[in-house]
């Protein structure tokens, strides 16, 4: 499962092999976006969207999701990708960086002890 912003979707669709399946949580933002329909149809891709409420409002599914993430982090099979780290004093810059939408990975704000 991967979260991607739609402005990156065209590049990702082009890179997929024919018949691929992708599960994505897509952040649309304020601007209307599109997927390259010809590439999706030509490659016979399966694209499945979902709403986080489908997982977070169902106790069983939420527990399974949390367990999956915890186990992956503990085993090292899931590792967060860090884009940029900001000190707490630069929180405004961190937010601007987030709103710009160009990051790949997490934006980390460090808090002094």
PDB file of N, CA and C in Angstrom:
ATOM      1  N   UNK A   1       0.863  -1.162   0.000  1.00  0.00           N
ATOM      2  CA  UNK A   1       0.000   0.000   0.000  1.00  0.00           C
ATOM      3  C   UNK A   1       0.908   1.221   0.000  1.00  0.00           C
ATOM      4  N   UNK A   2       0.593   2.169  -0.835  1.00  0.00           N
ATOM      5  CA  UNK A   2       1.441   3.346  -0.952  1.00  0.00           C
ATOM      6  C   UNK A   2       0.574   4.557  -1.205  1.00  0.00           C
ATOM      7  N   UNK A   3       0.922   5.632  -0.570  1.00  0.00           N
ATOM      8  CA  UNK A   3       0.212   6.880  -0.805  1.00  0.00           C
ATOM      9  C   UNK A   3       1.014   7.672  -1.818  1.00  0.00           C
ATOM     10  N   UNK A   4       0.363   8.166  -2.837  1.00  0.00           N
ATOM     11  CA  UNK A   4       1.070   8.973  -3.829  1.00  0.00           C
ATOM     12  C   UNK A   4       0.218  10.174  -4.184  1.00  0.00           C
ATOM     13  N   UNK A   5       0.874  11.236  -4.586  1.00  0.00           N
ATOM     14  CA  UNK A   5       0.127  12.386  -5.061  1.00  0.00           C
ATOM     15  C   UNK A   5      -0.122  12.197  -6.542  1.00  0.00           C
ATOM     16  N   UNK A   6      -1.259  12.702  -7.016  1.00  0.00           N
ATOM     17  CA  UNK A   6      -1.680  12.425  -8.378  1.00  0.00           C
ATOM     18  C   UNK A   6      -0.753  13.037  -9.413  1.00  0.00           C
ATOM     19  N   UNK A   7      -0.070  14.160  -9.082  1.00  0.00           N
ATOM     20  CA  UNK A   7       0.813  14.740 -10.094  1.00  0.00           C
ATOM     21  C   UNK A   7       1.918  13.773 -10.476  1.00  0.00           C
ATOM     22  N   UNK A   8       2.150  12.761  -9.663  1.00  0.00           N
ATOM     23  CA  UNK A   8       3.149  11.736  -9.933  1.00  0.00           C
ATOM     24  C   UNK A   8       2.520  10.511 -10.601  1.00  0.00           C
ATOM     25  N   UNK A   9       1.204  10.467 -10.695  1.00  0.00           N
ATOM     26  CA  UNK A   9       0.507   9.272 -11.163  1.00  0.00           C
ATOM     27  C   UNK A   9       0.835   8.928 -12.606  1.00  0.00           C
ATOM     28  N   UNK A  10       0.940   9.913 -13.474  1.00  0.00           N
ATOM     29  CA  UNK A  10       1.217   9.614 -14.881  1.00  0.00           C
ATOM     30  C   UNK A  10       2.547   8.877 -15.020  1.00  0.00           C
ATOM     31  N   UNK A  11       3.567   9.348 -14.348  1.00  0.00           N
ATOM     32  CA  UNK A  11       4.875   8.690 -14.415  1.00  0.00           C
ATOM     33  C   UNK A  11       4.790   7.264 -13.873  1.00  0.00           C
ATOM     34  N   UNK A  12       4.031   7.087 -12.801  1.00  0.00           N
ATOM     35  CA  UNK A  12       3.896   5.753 -12.214  1.00  0.00           C
ATOM     36  C   UNK A  12       3.129   4.802 -13.129  1.00  0.00           C
ATOM     37  N   UNK A  13       2.065   5.288 -13.766  1.00  0.00           N
ATOM     38  CA  UNK A  13       1.279   4.444 -14.672  1.00  0.00           C
ATOM     39  C   UNK A  13       2.135   4.010 -15.851  1.00  0.00           C
ATOM     40  N   UNK A  14       2.909   4.917 -16.395  1.00  0.00           N
ATOM     41  CA  UNK A  14       3.772   4.584 -17.521  1.00  0.00           C
ATOM     42  C   UNK A  14       4.770   3.499 -17.123  1.00  0.00           C
ATOM     43  N   UNK A  15       5.220   3.511 -15.879  1.00  0.00           N
ATOM     44  CA  UNK A  15       6.225   2.559 -15.418  1.00  0.00           C
ATOM     45  C   UNK A  15       5.657   1.171 -15.103  1.00  0.00           C
ATOM     46  N   UNK A  16       4.345   1.041 -14.959  1.00  0.00           N
ATOM     47  CA  UNK A  16       3.746  -0.239 -14.596  1.00  0.00           C
ATOM     48  C   UNK A  16       3.786  -1.233 -15.759  1.00  0.00           C
ATOM     49  N   UNK A  17       3.911  -2.489 -15.403  1.00  0.00           N
ATOM     50  CA  UNK A  17       3.855  -3.543 -16.408  1.00  0.00           C
ATOM     51  C   UNK A  17       2.406  -3.830 -16.769  1.00  0.00           C
ATOM     52  N   UNK A  18       2.147  -4.314 -17.998  1.00  0.00           N
ATOM     53  CA  UNK A  18       0.781  -4.688 -18.366  1.00  0.00           C
ATOM     54  C   UNK A  18       0.199  -5.694 -17.370  1.00  0.00           C
ATOM     55  N   UNK A  19      -1.077  -5.513 -17.034  1.00  0.00           N
ATOM     56  CA  UNK A  19      -1.775  -6.419 -16.126  1.00  0.00           C
ATOM     57  C   UNK A  19      -1.495  -6.170 -14.658  1.00  0.00           C
ATOM     58  N   UNK A  20      -0.756  -5.121 -14.332  1.00  0.00           N
ATOM     59  CA  UNK A  20      -0.402  -4.834 -12.940  1.00  0.00           C
ATOM     60  C   UNK A  20      -1.632  -4.431 -12.133  1.00  0.00           C
ATOM     61  N   UNK A  21      -1.553  -4.646 -10.843  1.00  0.00           N
ATOM     62  CA  UNK A  21      -2.565  -4.170  -9.907  1.00  0.00           C
ATOM     63  C   UNK A  21      -1.879  -3.248  -8.920  1.00  0.00           C
ATOM     64  N   UNK A  22      -2.518  -2.136  -8.616  1.00  0.00           N
ATOM     65  CA  UNK A  22      -1.960  -1.190  -7.665  1.00  0.00           C
ATOM     66  C   UNK A  22      -3.035  -0.800  -6.675  1.00  0.00           C
ATOM     67  N   UNK A  23      -2.676  -0.753  -5.399  1.00  0.00           N
ATOM     68  CA  UNK A  23      -3.559  -0.254  -4.355  1.00  0.00           C
ATOM     69  C   UNK A  23      -2.958   1.046  -3.878  1.00  0.00           C
ATOM     70  N   UNK A  24      -3.678   2.120  -4.070  1.00  0.00           N
ATOM     71  CA  UNK A  24      -3.131   3.431  -3.764  1.00  0.00           C
ATOM     72  C   UNK A  24      -4.153   4.278  -3.027  1.00  0.00           C
ATOM     73  N   UNK A  25      -3.655   5.049  -2.089  1.00  0.00           N
ATOM     74  CA  UNK A  25      -4.430   6.121  -1.487  1.00  0.00           C
ATOM     75  C   UNK A  25      -3.936   7.384  -2.175  1.00  0.00           C
ATOM     76  N   UNK A  26      -4.780   8.042  -2.910  1.00  0.00           N
ATOM     77  CA  UNK A  26      -4.339   9.152  -3.750  1.00  0.00           C
ATOM     78  C   UNK A  26      -4.804  10.471  -3.159  1.00  0.00           C
ATOM     79  N   UNK A  27      -3.866  11.380  -2.976  1.00  0.00           N
ATOM     80  CA  UNK A  27      -4.178  12.718  -2.478  1.00  0.00           C
ATOM     81  C   UNK A  27      -4.433  13.631  -3.666  1.00  0.00           C
ATOM     82  N   UNK A  28      -5.646  14.100  -3.815  1.00  0.00           N
ATOM     83  CA  UNK A  28      -5.992  14.905  -4.976  1.00  0.00           C
ATOM     84  C   UNK A  28      -5.694  16.378  -4.808  1.00  0.00           C
ATOM     85  N   UNK A  29      -5.677  16.873  -3.604  1.00  0.00           N
ATOM     86  CA  UNK A  29      -5.424  18.292  -3.403  1.00  0.00           C
ATOM     87  C   UNK A  29      -6.586  19.128  -3.910  1.00  0.00           C
ATOM     88  N   UNK A  30      -6.316  20.386  -4.207  1.00  0.00           N
ATOM     89  CA  UNK A  30      -7.375  21.308  -4.620  1.00  0.00           C
ATOM     90  C   UNK A  30      -7.547  21.370  -6.133  1.00  0.00           C
ATOM     91  N   UNK A  31      -6.607  20.825  -6.873  1.00  0.00           N
ATOM     92  CA  UNK A  31      -6.632  20.933  -8.328  1.00  0.00           C
ATOM     93  C   UNK A  31      -7.114  19.620  -8.929  1.00  0.00           C
ATOM     94  N   UNK A  32      -7.998  19.707  -9.919  1.00  0.00           N
ATOM     95  CA  UNK A  32      -8.469  18.499 -10.593  1.00  0.00           C
ATOM     96  C   UNK A  32      -7.283  17.813 -11.263  1.00  0.00           C
ATOM     97  N   UNK A  33      -7.161  16.509 -11.113  1.00  0.00           N
ATOM     98  CA  UNK A  33      -6.058  15.737 -11.687  1.00  0.00           C
ATOM     99  C   UNK A  33      -6.645  14.606 -12.520  1.00  0.00           C
ATOM    100  N   UNK A  34      -5.806  13.962 -13.315  1.00  0.00           N
ATOM    101  CA  UNK A  34      -6.280  12.866 -14.137  1.00  0.00           C
ATOM    102  C   UNK A  34      -5.209  11.798 -14.242  1.00  0.00           C
ATOM    103  N   UNK A  35      -5.648  10.597 -14.560  1.00  0.00           N
ATOM    104  CA  UNK A  35      -4.747   9.497 -14.871  1.00  0.00           C
ATOM    105  C   UNK A  35      -4.684   9.367 -16.390  1.00  0.00           C
ATOM    106  N   UNK A  36      -3.577   8.899 -16.930  1.00  0.00           N
ATOM    107  CA  UNK A  36      -3.481   8.712 -18.381  1.00  0.00           C
ATOM    108  C   UNK A  36      -4.314   7.502 -18.810  1.00  0.00           C
ATOM    109  N   UNK A  37      -5.556   7.747 -19.209  1.00  0.00           N
ATOM    110  CA  UNK A  37      -6.517   6.675 -19.492  1.00  0.00           C
ATOM    111  C   UNK A  37      -6.018   5.708 -20.558  1.00  0.00           C
ATOM    112  N   UNK A  38      -5.380   6.198 -21.595  1.00  0.00           N
ATOM    113  CA  UNK A  38      -4.892   5.292 -22.651  1.00  0.00           C
ATOM    114  C   UNK A  38      -3.893   4.292 -22.104  1.00  0.00           C
ATOM    115  N   UNK A  39      -2.987   4.762 -21.255  1.00  0.00           N
ATOM    116  CA  UNK A  39      -2.001   3.852 -20.664  1.00  0.00           C
ATOM    117  C   UNK A  39      -2.691   2.827 -19.758  1.00  0.00           C
ATOM    118  N   UNK A  40      -3.656   3.298 -18.962  1.00  0.00           N
ATOM    119  CA  UNK A  40      -4.376   2.400 -18.056  1.00  0.00           C
ATOM    120  C   UNK A  40      -5.122   1.329 -18.854  1.00  0.00           C
ATOM    121  N   UNK A  41      -5.826   1.742 -19.912  1.00  0.00           N
ATOM    122  CA  UNK A  41      -6.590   0.796 -20.725  1.00  0.00           C
ATOM    123  C   UNK A  41      -5.681  -0.120 -21.531  1.00  0.00           C
ATOM    124  N   UNK A  42      -4.672   0.433 -22.177  1.00  0.00           N
ATOM    125  CA  UNK A  42      -3.768  -0.349 -23.015  1.00  0.00           C
ATOM    126  C   UNK A  42      -3.062  -1.433 -22.209  1.00  0.00           C
ATOM    127  N   UNK A  43      -2.646  -1.094 -20.987  1.00  0.00           N
ATOM    128  CA  UNK A  43      -1.927  -2.045 -20.140  1.00  0.00           C
ATOM    129  C   UNK A  43      -2.862  -2.929 -19.319  1.00  0.00           C
ATOM    130  N   UNK A  44      -4.168  -2.689 -19.420  1.00  0.00           N
ATOM    131  CA  UNK A  44      -5.176  -3.449 -18.664  1.00  0.00           C
ATOM    132  C   UNK A  44      -4.834  -3.455 -17.170  1.00  0.00           C
ATOM    133  N   UNK A  45      -4.603  -2.250 -16.648  1.00  0.00           N
ATOM    134  CA  UNK A  45      -4.234  -2.109 -15.248  1.00  0.00           C
ATOM    135  C   UNK A  45      -5.458  -2.198 -14.348  1.00  0.00           C
ATOM    136  N   UNK A  46      -5.250  -2.652 -13.140  1.00  0.00           N
ATOM    137  CA  UNK A  46      -6.278  -2.642 -12.110  1.00  0.00           C
ATOM    138  C   UNK A  46      -5.901  -1.571 -11.109  1.00  0.00           C
ATOM    139  N   UNK A  47      -6.753  -0.590 -10.948  1.00  0.00           N
ATOM    140  CA  UNK A  47      -6.515   0.475  -9.985  1.00  0.00           C
ATOM    141  C   UNK A  47      -7.668   0.461  -9.001  1.00  0.00           C
ATOM    142  N   UNK A  48      -7.337   0.320  -7.737  1.00  0.00           N
ATOM    143  CA  UNK A  48      -8.370   0.238  -6.715  1.00  0.00           C
ATOM    144  C   UNK A  48      -8.174   1.374  -5.730  1.00  0.00           C
ATOM    145  N   UNK A  49      -9.177   2.174  -5.578  1.00  0.00           N
ATOM    146  CA  UNK A  49      -9.131   3.242  -4.589  1.00  0.00           C
ATOM    147  C   UNK A  49      -9.836   2.786  -3.324  1.00  0.00           C
ATOM    148  N   UNK A  50      -9.566   3.473  -2.253  1.00  0.00           N
ATOM    149  CA  UNK A  50     -10.260   3.166  -1.009  1.00  0.00           C
ATOM    150  C   UNK A  50     -10.335   4.418  -0.160  1.00  0.00           C
ATOM    151  N   UNK A  51     -11.228   4.374   0.766  1.00  0.00           N
ATOM    152  CA  UNK A  51     -11.438   5.467   1.705  1.00  0.00           C
ATOM    153  C   UNK A  51     -10.918   4.998   3.063  1.00  0.00           C
ATOM    154  N   UNK A  52     -10.121   5.821   3.701  1.00  0.00           N
ATOM    155  CA  UNK A  52      -9.565   5.425   4.999  1.00  0.00           C
ATOM    156  C   UNK A  52     -10.652   5.062   6.004  1.00  0.00           C
ATOM    157  N   UNK A  53     -11.843   5.622   5.847  1.00  0.00           N
ATOM    158  CA  UNK A  53     -12.932   5.301   6.770  1.00  0.00           C
ATOM    159  C   UNK A  53     -13.293   3.820   6.685  1.00  0.00           C
ATOM    160  N   UNK A  54     -13.077   3.202   5.531  1.00  0.00           N
ATOM    161  CA  UNK A  54     -13.371   1.774   5.396  1.00  0.00           C
ATOM    162  C   UNK A  54     -12.499   0.950   6.336  1.00  0.00           C
ATOM    163  N   UNK A  55     -11.321   1.444   6.654  1.00  0.00           N
ATOM    164  CA  UNK A  55     -10.419   0.732   7.564  1.00  0.00           C
ATOM    165  C   UNK A  55     -10.578   1.245   8.990  1.00  0.00           C
ATOM    166  N   UNK A  56     -10.632   2.553   9.151  1.00  0.00           N
ATOM    167  CA  UNK A  56     -10.589   3.116  10.500  1.00  0.00           C
ATOM    168  C   UNK A  56     -11.890   2.993  11.273  1.00  0.00           C
ATOM    169  N   UNK A  57     -13.011   2.813  10.594  1.00  0.00           N
ATOM    170  CA  UNK A  57     -14.281   2.690  11.310  1.00  0.00           C
ATOM    171  C   UNK A  57     -14.655   1.239  11.605  1.00  0.00           C
ATOM    172  N   UNK A  58     -13.916   0.302  11.055  1.00  0.00           N
ATOM    173  CA  UNK A  58     -14.161  -1.119  11.293  1.00  0.00           C
ATOM    174  C   UNK A  58     -13.066  -1.610  12.248  1.00  0.00           C
ATOM    175  N   UNK A  59     -13.452  -1.971  13.475  1.00  0.00           N
ATOM    176  CA  UNK A  59     -12.470  -2.350  14.493  1.00  0.00           C
ATOM    177  C   UNK A  59     -11.564  -3.490  14.050  1.00  0.00           C
ATOM    178  N   UNK A  60     -12.108  -4.502  13.407  1.00  0.00           N
ATOM    179  CA  UNK A  60     -11.323  -5.655  12.978  1.00  0.00           C
ATOM    180  C   UNK A  60     -10.301  -5.251  11.917  1.00  0.00           C
ATOM    181  N   UNK A  61     -10.747  -4.492  10.940  1.00  0.00           N
ATOM    182  CA  UNK A  61      -9.831  -4.051   9.875  1.00  0.00           C
ATOM    183  C   UNK A  61      -8.783  -3.076  10.409  1.00  0.00           C
ATOM    184  N   UNK A  62      -9.171  -2.217  11.324  1.00  0.00           N
ATOM    185  CA  UNK A  62      -8.225  -1.269  11.902  1.00  0.00           C
ATOM    186  C   UNK A  62      -7.142  -2.009  12.679  1.00  0.00           C
ATOM    187  N   UNK A  63      -7.554  -2.988  13.501  1.00  0.00           N
ATOM    188  CA  UNK A  63      -6.579  -3.778  14.260  1.00  0.00           C
ATOM    189  C   UNK A  63      -5.622  -4.507  13.323  1.00  0.00           C
ATOM    190  N   UNK A  64      -6.164  -5.089  12.252  1.00  0.00           N
ATOM    191  CA  UNK A  64      -5.321  -5.801  11.283  1.00  0.00           C
ATOM    192  C   UNK A  64      -4.322  -4.840  10.628  1.00  0.00           C
ATOM    193  N   UNK A  65      -4.775  -3.639  10.301  1.00  0.00           N
ATOM    194  CA  UNK A  65      -3.892  -2.648   9.679  1.00  0.00           C
ATOM    195  C   UNK A  65      -2.797  -2.212  10.651  1.00  0.00           C
ATOM    196  N   UNK A  66      -3.170  -1.948  11.891  1.00  0.00           N
ATOM    197  CA  UNK A  66      -2.190  -1.533  12.899  1.00  0.00           C
ATOM    198  C   UNK A  66      -1.187  -2.654  13.141  1.00  0.00           C
ATOM    199  N   UNK A  67      -1.664  -3.891  13.256  1.00  0.00           N
ATOM    200  CA  UNK A  67      -0.770  -5.035  13.450  1.00  0.00           C
ATOM    201  C   UNK A  67       0.198  -5.184  12.272  1.00  0.00           C
ATOM    202  N   UNK A  68      -0.311  -5.006  11.052  1.00  0.00           N
ATOM    203  CA  UNK A  68       0.520  -5.101   9.848  1.00  0.00           C
ATOM    204  C   UNK A  68       1.656  -4.077   9.891  1.00  0.00           C
ATOM    205  N   UNK A  69       1.324  -2.857  10.256  1.00  0.00           N
ATOM    206  CA  UNK A  69       2.340  -1.791  10.313  1.00  0.00           C
ATOM    207  C   UNK A  69       3.320  -2.063  11.447  1.00  0.00           C
ATOM    208  N   UNK A  70       2.829  -2.414  12.618  1.00  0.00           N
ATOM    209  CA  UNK A  70       3.719  -2.686  13.758  1.00  0.00           C
ATOM    210  C   UNK A  70       4.691  -3.822  13.444  1.00  0.00           C
ATOM    211  N   UNK A  71       4.160  -4.920  12.877  1.00  0.00           N
ATOM    212  CA  UNK A  71       5.019  -6.059  12.540  1.00  0.00           C
ATOM    213  C   UNK A  71       6.041  -5.682  11.474  1.00  0.00           C
ATOM    214  N   UNK A  72       5.611  -4.919  10.489  1.00  0.00           N
ATOM    215  CA  UNK A  72       6.527  -4.499   9.432  1.00  0.00           C
ATOM    216  C   UNK A  72       7.642  -3.608   9.957  1.00  0.00           C
ATOM    217  N   UNK A  73       7.301  -2.707  10.862  1.00  0.00           N
ATOM    218  CA  UNK A  73       8.323  -1.846  11.459  1.00  0.00           C
ATOM    219  C   UNK A  73       9.276  -2.661  12.336  1.00  0.00           C
ATOM    220  N   UNK A  74       8.720  -3.596  13.110  1.00  0.00           N
ATOM    221  CA  UNK A  74       9.550  -4.419  13.992  1.00  0.00           C
ATOM    222  C   UNK A  74      10.503  -5.310  13.201  1.00  0.00           C
ATOM    223  N   UNK A  75      10.032  -5.863  12.076  1.00  0.00           N
ATOM    224  CA  UNK A  75      10.856  -6.758  11.247  1.00  0.00           C
ATOM    225  C   UNK A  75      11.774  -5.994  10.303  1.00  0.00           C
ATOM    226  N   UNK A  76      11.509  -4.706  10.142  1.00  0.00           N
ATOM    227  CA  UNK A  76      12.315  -3.919   9.218  1.00  0.00           C
ATOM    228  C   UNK A  76      11.857  -4.017   7.773  1.00  0.00           C
ATOM    229  N   UNK A  77      10.700  -4.645   7.531  1.00  0.00           N
ATOM    230  CA  UNK A  77      10.191  -4.744   6.162  1.00  0.00           C
ATOM    231  C   UNK A  77       9.448  -3.485   5.741  1.00  0.00           C
ATOM    232  N   UNK A  78       9.017  -2.677   6.694  1.00  0.00           N
ATOM    233  CA  UNK A  78       8.436  -1.366   6.424  1.00  0.00           C
ATOM    234  C   UNK A  78       9.350  -0.322   7.046  1.00  0.00           C
ATOM    235  N   UNK A  79       9.844   0.567   6.234  1.00  0.00           N
ATOM    236  CA  UNK A  79      10.684   1.629   6.756  1.00  0.00           C
ATOM    237  C   UNK A  79      10.176   2.951   6.202  1.00  0.00           C
ATOM    238  N   UNK A  80       9.990   3.936   7.060  1.00  0.00           N
ATOM    239  CA  UNK A  80       9.517   5.222   6.567  1.00  0.00           C
ATOM    240  C   UNK A  80      10.600   5.913   5.740  1.00  0.00           C
ATOM    241  N   UNK A  81      10.172   6.596   4.702  1.00  0.00           N
ATOM    242  CA  UNK A  81      11.079   7.389   3.878  1.00  0.00           C
ATOM    243  C   UNK A  81      10.975   8.827   4.366  1.00  0.00           C
ATOM    244  N   UNK A  82      12.105   9.409   4.729  1.00  0.00           N
ATOM    245  CA  UNK A  82      12.117  10.780   5.231  1.00  0.00           C
ATOM    246  C   UNK A  82      12.574  11.708   4.117  1.00  0.00           C
ATOM    247  N   UNK A  83      11.734  12.680   3.800  1.00  0.00           N
ATOM    248  CA  UNK A  83      12.065  13.674   2.789  1.00  0.00           C
ATOM    249  C   UNK A  83      12.944  14.767   3.380  1.00  0.00           C
ATOM    250  N   UNK A  84      12.466  15.400   4.438  1.00  0.00           N
ATOM    251  CA  UNK A  84      13.161  16.532   5.039  1.00  0.00           C
ATOM    252  C   UNK A  84      12.886  16.548   6.538  1.00  0.00           C
ATOM    253  N   UNK A  85      13.869  17.002   7.292  1.00  0.00           N
ATOM    254  CA  UNK A  85      13.705  17.167   8.733  1.00  0.00           C
ATOM    255  C   UNK A  85      13.834  18.653   9.070  1.00  0.00           C
ATOM    256  N   UNK A  86      12.881  19.149   9.849  1.00  0.00           N
ATOM    257  CA  UNK A  86      12.874  20.548  10.280  1.00  0.00           C
ATOM    258  C   UNK A  86      12.897  20.601  11.798  1.00  0.00           C
ATOM    259  N   UNK A  87      13.642  21.565  12.391  1.00  0.00           N
ATOM    260  CA  UNK A  87      13.503  21.778  13.835  1.00  0.00           C
ATOM    261  C   UNK A  87      12.156  22.444  14.117  1.00  0.00           C
ATOM    262  N   UNK A  88      11.648  22.282  15.313  1.00  0.00           N
ATOM    263  CA  UNK A  88      10.347  22.848  15.682  1.00  0.00           C
ATOM    264  C   UNK A  88      10.294  24.352  15.429  1.00  0.00           C
ATOM    265  N   UNK A  89      11.401  25.039  15.605  1.00  0.00           N
ATOM    266  CA  UNK A  89      11.420  26.490  15.357  1.00  0.00           C
ATOM    267  C   UNK A  89      11.099  26.842  13.908  1.00  0.00           C
ATOM    268  N   UNK A  90      11.277  25.899  12.995  1.00  0.00           N
ATOM    269  CA  UNK A  90      11.009  26.127  11.569  1.00  0.00           C
ATOM    270  C   UNK A  90       9.698  25.477  11.121  1.00  0.00           C
ATOM    271  N   UNK A  91       8.740  25.366  12.032  1.00  0.00           N
ATOM    272  CA  UNK A  91       7.481  24.688  11.729  1.00  0.00           C
ATOM    273  C   UNK A  91       6.742  25.339  10.561  1.00  0.00           C
ATOM    274  N   UNK A  92       6.838  26.648  10.421  1.00  0.00           N
ATOM    275  CA  UNK A  92       6.172  27.342   9.314  1.00  0.00           C
ATOM    276  C   UNK A  92       6.784  26.894   7.989  1.00  0.00           C
ATOM    277  N   UNK A  93       8.110  26.783   7.942  1.00  0.00           N
ATOM    278  CA  UNK A  93       8.780  26.310   6.725  1.00  0.00           C
ATOM    279  C   UNK A  93       8.401  24.855   6.430  1.00  0.00           C
ATOM    280  N   UNK A  94       8.264  24.054   7.474  1.00  0.00           N
ATOM    281  CA  UNK A  94       7.864  22.654   7.291  1.00  0.00           C
ATOM    282  C   UNK A  94       6.471  22.580   6.670  1.00  0.00           C
ATOM    283  N   UNK A  95       5.567  23.411   7.155  1.00  0.00           N
ATOM    284  CA  UNK A  95       4.204  23.426   6.616  1.00  0.00           C
ATOM    285  C   UNK A  95       4.200  23.905   5.169  1.00  0.00           C
ATOM    286  N   UNK A  96       4.989  24.922   4.874  1.00  0.00           N
ATOM    287  CA  UNK A  96       5.085  25.404   3.490  1.00  0.00           C
ATOM    288  C   UNK A  96       5.615  24.306   2.570  1.00  0.00           C
ATOM    289  N   UNK A  97       6.600  23.575   3.062  1.00  0.00           N
ATOM    290  CA  UNK A  97       7.157  22.471   2.280  1.00  0.00           C
ATOM    291  C   UNK A  97       6.085  21.409   2.010  1.00  0.00           C
ATOM    292  N   UNK A  98       5.290  21.113   3.029  1.00  0.00           N
ATOM    293  CA  UNK A  98       4.190  20.158   2.873  1.00  0.00           C
ATOM    294  C   UNK A  98       3.171  20.651   1.856  1.00  0.00           C
ATOM    295  N   UNK A  99       2.761  21.898   1.986  1.00  0.00           N
ATOM    296  CA  UNK A  99       1.756  22.466   1.084  1.00  0.00           C
ATOM    297  C   UNK A  99       2.246  22.558  -0.354  1.00  0.00           C
ATOM    298  N   UNK A 100       3.549  22.682  -0.554  1.00  0.00           N
ATOM    299  CA  UNK A 100       4.099  22.737  -1.912  1.00  0.00           C
ATOM    300  C   UNK A 100       3.886  21.421  -2.644  1.00  0.00           C
ATOM    301  N   UNK A 101       3.767  20.319  -1.890  1.00  0.00           N
ATOM    302  CA  UNK A 101       3.409  19.032  -2.478  1.00  0.00           C
ATOM    303  C   UNK A 101       4.508  18.325  -3.240  1.00  0.00           C
ATOM    304  N   UNK A 102       5.739  18.754  -3.139  1.00  0.00           N
ATOM    305  CA  UNK A 102       6.801  18.122  -3.899  1.00  0.00           C
ATOM    306  C   UNK A 102       7.595  17.080  -3.139  1.00  0.00           C
ATOM    307  N   UNK A 103       7.257  16.873  -1.887  1.00  0.00           N
ATOM    308  CA  UNK A 103       8.053  15.950  -1.090  1.00  0.00           C
ATOM    309  C   UNK A 103       7.817  14.504  -1.497  1.00  0.00           C
ATOM    310  N   UNK A 104       8.854  13.709  -1.291  1.00  0.00           N
ATOM    311  CA  UNK A 104       8.749  12.265  -1.463  1.00  0.00           C
ATOM    312  C   UNK A 104       9.144  11.673  -0.113  1.00  0.00           C
ATOM    313  N   UNK A 105       8.180  11.208   0.611  1.00  0.00           N
ATOM    314  CA  UNK A 105       8.442  10.697   1.952  1.00  0.00           C
ATOM    315  C   UNK A 105       7.854  11.617   3.007  1.00  0.00           C
ATOM    316  N   UNK A 106       8.233  11.342   4.219  1.00  0.00           N
ATOM    317  CA  UNK A 106       7.674  12.065   5.366  1.00  0.00           C
ATOM    318  C   UNK A 106       8.464  13.329   5.665  1.00  0.00           C
ATOM    319  N   UNK A 107       7.761  14.319   6.164  1.00  0.00           N
ATOM    320  CA  UNK A 107       8.384  15.521   6.663  1.00  0.00           C
ATOM    321  C   UNK A 107       8.419  15.386   8.179  1.00  0.00           C
ATOM    322  N   UNK A 108       9.605  15.452   8.750  1.00  0.00           N
ATOM    323  CA  UNK A 108       9.794  15.233  10.181  1.00  0.00           C
ATOM    324  C   UNK A 108      10.074  16.570  10.858  1.00  0.00           C
ATOM    325  N   UNK A 109       9.397  16.809  11.968  1.00  0.00           N
ATOM    326  CA  UNK A 109       9.647  17.988  12.787  1.00  0.00           C
ATOM    327  C   UNK A 109      10.235  17.487  14.105  1.00  0.00           C
ATOM    328  N   UNK A 110      11.447  17.930  14.406  1.00  0.00           N
ATOM    329  CA  UNK A 110      12.107  17.483  15.633  1.00  0.00           C
ATOM    330  C   UNK A 110      11.763  18.435  16.779  1.00  0.00           C
ATOM    331  N   UNK A 111      11.508  17.857  17.930  1.00  0.00           N
ATOM    332  CA  UNK A 111      11.142  18.609  19.124  1.00  0.00           C
ATOM    333  C   UNK A 111      12.261  18.446  20.130  1.00  0.00           C
ATOM    334  N   UNK A 112      12.805  19.586  20.624  1.00  0.00           N
ATOM    335  CA  UNK A 112      13.896  19.462  21.614  1.00  0.00           C
ATOM    336  C   UNK A 112      13.382  18.851  22.913  1.00  0.00           C
ATOM    337  N   UNK A 113      14.285  18.197  23.629  1.00  0.00           N
ATOM    338  CA  UNK A 113      13.919  17.554  24.903  1.00  0.00           C
ATOM    339  C   UNK A 113      13.759  18.574  25.981  1.00  0.00           C
TER     340      UNK A 113
END
